[in-house]
Structures are given as structure tokens and as C-alpha cells.
Amino acid sequence: MIKHLTSKPGSSLSNKTGSWRTEVKPKFLRKNCIGCKMCRLVCPEGCIFGDKKNTYGCDYQYCKGCGNCAVICPKKDIIMIPEGEKE
């Protein structure tokens, strides 16, 4: 009998998907944010939070460091920094 290898729906909160990341992570500058929510829309892990201008951030336990948020930001208010650098 073959067992299922996938997780159950809705289990991502208990399975920290950020156990690995590229060598960079996003830094939210919170200077020019216009609250467009584009960063939240393009995040494949859904780990970006915030709902008002200059309040956005990232749950680094789930972030993969893909950089989609930095690329899509129309105000360039998100930059990618080396993994060891302080937020």
C-alpha cells in the first residue's frame, strides 16, 4: 500500500516552510510604502503581513528569500539583504 507523502490541507502553520532559505532575505524599509499590497500578492509562502502603509513585514520562519516582493514593489521599499544581516 502506498501512503500519501503530502501534508494535510491547512498544515502549513505547523510545518515551518522557512527551514531553508536562499542566502538573502527581504528587508522592509518602511519609508516609501504606499500600501499597495503587491508584496503580499506575489509571496509564494504567504508570509508577508501588514495592512496599512509602512506596516508591512515578513515572518522569516516561512520566507524562502525568493525576492518576488522586492521585485514587485513599485516604490522599491523592499530590498534583499544577506542572510546574516540585521533586519
Protein backbone atom coordinates (compact mmCIF):
# COMPACT_ATOMS: atom_id res chain seq x y z
CA MET A 1 0.00 0.00 0.00
CA ILE A 2 1.30 3.46 -0.90
CA LYS A 3 0.98 6.15 1.74
CA HIS A 4 0.39 9.78 0.91
CA LEU A 5 3.53 11.88 1.03
CA THR A 6 1.81 15.26 1.12
CA SER A 7 0.71 17.25 4.14
CA LYS A 8 -2.89 17.76 5.06
CA PRO A 9 -4.57 20.98 3.88
CA GLY A 10 -4.06 23.85 6.29
CA SER A 11 -1.00 22.34 7.94
CA SER A 12 1.48 24.98 6.80
CA LEU A 13 1.30 26.81 10.13
CA SER A 14 2.65 23.78 11.95
CA ASN A 15 5.17 22.91 9.21
CA LYS A 16 7.60 25.81 9.12
CA THR A 17 8.41 26.11 5.44
CA GLY A 18 11.24 28.53 6.10
CA SER A 19 13.61 25.92 7.46
CA TRP A 20 15.73 26.72 4.39
CA ARG A 21 16.18 29.99 2.55
CA THR A 22 18.39 31.37 -0.16
CA GLU A 23 21.34 33.43 1.02
CA VAL A 24 19.23 36.60 1.14
CA LYS A 25 16.08 37.78 2.86
CA PRO A 26 13.78 40.80 2.40
CA LYS A 27 14.16 43.96 4.43
CA PHE A 28 11.14 46.27 4.55
CA LEU A 29 12.45 49.83 4.67
CA ARG A 30 9.05 51.33 5.60
CA LYS A 31 9.90 54.73 4.12
CA ASN A 32 8.11 54.91 0.78
CA CYS A 33 5.43 52.22 1.17
CA ILE A 34 2.10 53.16 -0.40
CA GLY A 35 0.19 50.15 0.95
CA CYS A 36 -0.48 48.61 -2.48
CA LYS A 37 -0.25 45.04 -1.08
CA MET A 38 1.57 43.80 -4.18
CA CYS A 39 4.26 42.19 -1.99
CA ARG A 40 1.59 40.14 -0.22
CA LEU A 41 0.05 39.08 -3.51
CA VAL A 42 3.27 37.72 -5.04
CA CYS A 43 4.66 35.97 -1.96
CA PRO A 44 4.54 32.22 -2.69
CA GLU A 45 4.66 31.36 1.03
CA GLY A 46 2.10 33.95 2.20
CA CYS A 47 4.46 35.11 4.94
CA ILE A 48 4.17 38.87 4.39
CA PHE A 49 1.94 40.68 6.85
CA GLY A 50 0.65 44.23 7.22
CA ASP A 51 -2.41 46.15 6.18
CA LYS A 52 -1.51 49.83 6.16
CA LYS A 53 1.22 51.98 4.67
CA ASN A 54 4.62 51.39 6.25
CA THR A 55 3.41 48.43 8.34
CA TYR A 56 4.45 45.52 6.13
CA GLY A 57 6.90 42.90 7.30
CA CYS A 58 7.80 39.25 6.87
CA ASP A 59 7.63 36.12 9.00
CA TYR A 60 11.18 34.88 8.42
CA GLN A 61 10.32 31.41 9.73
CA TYR A 62 8.43 30.85 6.46
CA CYS A 63 10.24 33.13 3.99
CA LYS A 64 12.26 31.40 1.24
CA GLY A 65 14.14 34.52 0.10
CA CYS A 66 12.79 34.38 -3.45
CA GLY A 67 12.84 38.18 -3.82
CA ASN A 68 9.44 38.44 -5.53
CA CYS A 69 8.35 41.08 -3.02
CA ALA A 70 11.38 43.29 -3.72
CA VAL A 71 10.97 42.98 -7.48
CA ILE A 72 7.25 43.85 -7.49
CA CYS A 73 7.41 46.80 -5.07
CA PRO A 74 6.62 49.92 -7.13
CA LYS A 75 8.40 52.20 -4.63
CA LYS A 76 11.46 49.93 -4.15
CA ASP A 77 10.75 49.97 -0.42
CA ILE A 78 11.83 46.33 -0.05
CA ILE A 79 15.43 45.29 -0.54
CA MET A 80 17.12 41.91 -0.28
CA ILE A 81 19.89 41.70 2.31
CA PRO A 82 22.37 38.92 3.16
CA GLU A 83 21.01 36.25 5.50
CA GLY A 84 23.20 37.20 8.47
CA GLU A 85 22.49 40.95 8.30
CA LYS A 86 20.18 42.51 10.89
CA GLU A 87 16.69 43.48 9.78
